[in-house]
Amino acid sequence: MKITYDKIADALYIYLKKSKVSETMQVNADTFIDIDKYGKLLGIEILNASHQIPKEKLLKTTTSTI
């Protein structure tokens, strides 16, 4: 799993699996999920991340791999 944070876009992305995205689905106003052609979850994007996650954790997440 890899997590990136774009300070300019204020967007956090959690990469769960590397594959071609077949569809992006909106979960709520600020959360989107990417799935492959088999319906497997590939990643999660959180917009306006600094309003939902403490900034000190976001700044540590610039490009961390878990």
N, C-alpha and C. Protein backbone atom coordinates (compact mmCIF):
# COMPACT_ATOMS: atom_id res chain seq x y z
N MET A 1 0.85 -1.17 0.00
CA MET A 1 0.00 0.00 0.00
C MET A 1 0.90 1.24 0.00
N LYS A 2 0.51 2.24 -0.77
CA LYS A 2 1.24 3.50 -0.85
C LYS A 2 0.23 4.63 -0.64
N ILE A 3 0.65 5.65 0.11
CA ILE A 3 -0.21 6.79 0.38
C ILE A 3 0.51 8.06 -0.06
N THR A 4 -0.18 8.90 -0.84
CA THR A 4 0.41 10.18 -1.25
C THR A 4 -0.55 11.31 -0.88
N TYR A 5 0.03 12.47 -0.66
CA TYR A 5 -0.76 13.66 -0.35
C TYR A 5 -0.27 14.81 -1.23
N ASP A 6 -1.18 15.42 -1.95
CA ASP A 6 -0.89 16.58 -2.80
C ASP A 6 -1.37 17.81 -2.04
N LYS A 7 -0.40 18.61 -1.54
CA LYS A 7 -0.74 19.79 -0.76
C LYS A 7 -1.54 20.82 -1.56
N ILE A 8 -1.19 21.00 -2.82
CA ILE A 8 -1.87 22.00 -3.64
C ILE A 8 -3.32 21.62 -3.88
N ALA A 9 -3.56 20.37 -4.21
CA ALA A 9 -4.93 19.91 -4.47
C ALA A 9 -5.65 19.54 -3.17
N ASP A 10 -4.90 19.44 -2.07
CA ASP A 10 -5.42 18.98 -0.78
C ASP A 10 -6.13 17.63 -0.96
N ALA A 11 -5.42 16.72 -1.63
CA ALA A 11 -5.98 15.41 -1.94
C ALA A 11 -5.05 14.30 -1.45
N LEU A 12 -5.63 13.34 -0.77
CA LEU A 12 -4.91 12.17 -0.29
C LEU A 12 -5.31 10.99 -1.16
N TYR A 13 -4.35 10.19 -1.59
CA TYR A 13 -4.67 9.01 -2.38
C TYR A 13 -4.02 7.80 -1.74
N ILE A 14 -4.81 6.76 -1.55
CA ILE A 14 -4.34 5.50 -0.98
C ILE A 14 -4.34 4.47 -2.10
N TYR A 15 -3.15 4.04 -2.50
CA TYR A 15 -3.00 3.02 -3.54
C TYR A 15 -3.03 1.65 -2.86
N LEU A 16 -4.00 0.83 -3.20
CA LEU A 16 -4.11 -0.49 -2.61
C LEU A 16 -3.55 -1.58 -3.51
N LYS A 17 -3.74 -1.42 -4.80
CA LYS A 17 -3.30 -2.44 -5.76
C LYS A 17 -2.99 -1.73 -7.07
N LYS A 18 -1.93 -2.16 -7.75
CA LYS A 18 -1.57 -1.55 -9.02
C LYS A 18 -2.23 -2.32 -10.15
N SER A 19 -3.07 -1.63 -10.89
CA SER A 19 -3.78 -2.22 -12.02
C SER A 19 -4.44 -1.08 -12.79
N LYS A 20 -5.00 -1.40 -13.93
CA LYS A 20 -5.68 -0.38 -14.73
C LYS A 20 -7.05 -0.07 -14.13
N VAL A 21 -7.32 1.22 -13.94
CA VAL A 21 -8.61 1.65 -13.40
C VAL A 21 -9.67 1.51 -14.47
N SER A 22 -10.73 0.81 -14.14
CA SER A 22 -11.85 0.62 -15.06
C SER A 22 -12.95 1.64 -14.79
N GLU A 23 -13.11 1.98 -13.50
CA GLU A 23 -14.19 2.90 -13.12
C GLU A 23 -13.83 3.63 -11.84
N THR A 24 -14.23 4.88 -11.76
CA THR A 24 -14.11 5.66 -10.54
C THR A 24 -15.52 5.93 -10.05
N MET A 25 -15.76 5.59 -8.79
CA MET A 25 -17.08 5.77 -8.21
C MET A 25 -17.01 6.79 -7.08
N GLN A 26 -18.01 7.66 -7.02
CA GLN A 26 -18.07 8.67 -5.96
C GLN A 26 -18.81 8.08 -4.77
N VAL A 27 -18.16 8.10 -3.61
CA VAL A 27 -18.76 7.57 -2.38
C VAL A 27 -19.54 8.67 -1.67
N ASN A 28 -18.94 9.85 -1.59
CA ASN A 28 -19.60 11.04 -1.06
C ASN A 28 -18.94 12.26 -1.72
N ALA A 29 -19.25 13.44 -1.25
CA ALA A 29 -18.77 14.66 -1.90
C ALA A 29 -17.24 14.72 -2.03
N ASP A 30 -16.51 14.12 -1.09
CA ASP A 30 -15.06 14.23 -1.06
C ASP A 30 -14.31 12.91 -1.20
N THR A 31 -15.00 11.83 -1.43
CA THR A 31 -14.35 10.52 -1.47
C THR A 31 -14.71 9.76 -2.74
N PHE A 32 -13.66 9.26 -3.40
CA PHE A 32 -13.83 8.50 -4.64
C PHE A 32 -13.05 7.20 -4.52
N ILE A 33 -13.55 6.15 -5.16
CA ILE A 33 -12.82 4.89 -5.20
C ILE A 33 -12.58 4.48 -6.64
N ASP A 34 -11.44 3.90 -6.89
CA ASP A 34 -11.09 3.37 -8.21
C ASP A 34 -11.18 1.85 -8.15
N ILE A 35 -11.81 1.27 -9.15
CA ILE A 35 -11.93 -0.18 -9.22
C ILE A 35 -11.45 -0.68 -10.59
N ASP A 36 -11.06 -1.95 -10.64
CA ASP A 36 -10.64 -2.53 -11.91
C ASP A 36 -11.83 -3.21 -12.59
N LYS A 37 -11.59 -3.85 -13.72
CA LYS A 37 -12.68 -4.44 -14.49
C LYS A 37 -13.33 -5.63 -13.78
N TYR A 38 -12.68 -6.13 -12.74
CA TYR A 38 -13.24 -7.25 -11.98
C TYR A 38 -13.98 -6.77 -10.72
N GLY A 39 -14.00 -5.45 -10.52
CA GLY A 39 -14.67 -4.89 -9.34
C GLY A 39 -13.80 -4.84 -8.11
N LYS A 40 -12.50 -5.09 -8.26
CA LYS A 40 -11.56 -5.04 -7.14
C LYS A 40 -11.16 -3.60 -6.85
N LEU A 41 -11.11 -3.25 -5.59
CA LEU A 41 -10.74 -1.91 -5.16
C LEU A 41 -9.25 -1.69 -5.38
N LEU A 42 -8.92 -0.62 -6.11
CA LEU A 42 -7.53 -0.28 -6.41
C LEU A 42 -7.02 0.88 -5.57
N GLY A 43 -7.88 1.84 -5.29
CA GLY A 43 -7.43 3.01 -4.56
C GLY A 43 -8.58 3.86 -4.07
N ILE A 44 -8.24 4.74 -3.14
CA ILE A 44 -9.21 5.64 -2.52
C ILE A 44 -8.64 7.05 -2.58
N GLU A 45 -9.43 8.00 -3.05
CA GLU A 45 -9.02 9.41 -3.07
C GLU A 45 -9.91 10.20 -2.14
N ILE A 46 -9.28 11.01 -1.30
CA ILE A 46 -10.00 11.87 -0.37
C ILE A 46 -9.65 13.31 -0.69
N LEU A 47 -10.63 14.07 -1.14
CA LEU A 47 -10.45 15.49 -1.43
C LEU A 47 -10.69 16.29 -0.16
N ASN A 48 -10.18 17.50 -0.12
CA ASN A 48 -10.27 18.34 1.08
C ASN A 48 -9.77 17.57 2.30
N ALA A 49 -8.69 16.86 2.09
CA ALA A 49 -8.15 15.96 3.10
C ALA A 49 -7.78 16.68 4.40
N SER A 50 -7.29 17.89 4.30
CA SER A 50 -6.87 18.61 5.52
C SER A 50 -8.04 18.95 6.42
N HIS A 51 -9.25 18.87 5.91
CA HIS A 51 -10.44 19.11 6.74
C HIS A 51 -10.91 17.83 7.43
N GLN A 52 -10.33 16.69 7.03
CA GLN A 52 -10.78 15.41 7.56
C GLN A 52 -9.70 14.64 8.32
N ILE A 53 -8.44 14.98 8.03
CA ILE A 53 -7.31 14.28 8.63
C ILE A 53 -6.38 15.34 9.23
N PRO A 54 -5.88 15.11 10.45
CA PRO A 54 -4.98 16.10 11.07
C PRO A 54 -3.80 16.43 10.15
N LYS A 55 -3.50 17.71 10.01
CA LYS A 55 -2.44 18.16 9.10
C LYS A 55 -1.08 17.54 9.39
N GLU A 56 -0.75 17.32 10.66
CA GLU A 56 0.56 16.73 10.97
C GLU A 56 0.68 15.32 10.40
N LYS A 57 -0.41 14.59 10.30
CA LYS A 57 -0.37 13.26 9.68
C LYS A 57 -0.28 13.37 8.17
N LEU A 58 -0.94 14.35 7.59
CA LEU A 58 -0.88 14.54 6.15
C LEU A 58 0.52 14.90 5.68
N LEU A 59 1.18 15.77 6.42
CA LEU A 59 2.51 16.22 6.03
C LEU A 59 3.53 15.07 6.10
N LYS A 60 3.29 14.09 6.95
CA LYS A 60 4.16 12.92 7.01
C LYS A 60 3.86 11.94 5.88
N THR A 61 2.75 12.13 5.21
CA THR A 61 2.27 11.19 4.20
C THR A 61 2.67 11.56 2.79
N THR A 62 3.49 12.56 2.60
CA THR A 62 3.80 13.06 1.26
C THR A 62 4.03 11.94 0.26
N THR A 63 4.80 10.96 0.58
CA THR A 63 4.93 9.77 -0.27
C THR A 63 5.40 8.64 0.63
N SER A 64 4.53 8.11 1.44
CA SER A 64 4.95 7.01 2.30
C SER A 64 4.36 5.70 1.80
N THR A 65 5.10 4.66 2.02
CA THR A 65 4.64 3.33 1.67
C THR A 65 4.45 2.55 2.96
N ILE A 66 3.32 1.91 3.06
CA ILE A 66 3.02 1.12 4.27
C ILE A 66 3.04 -0.35 3.90
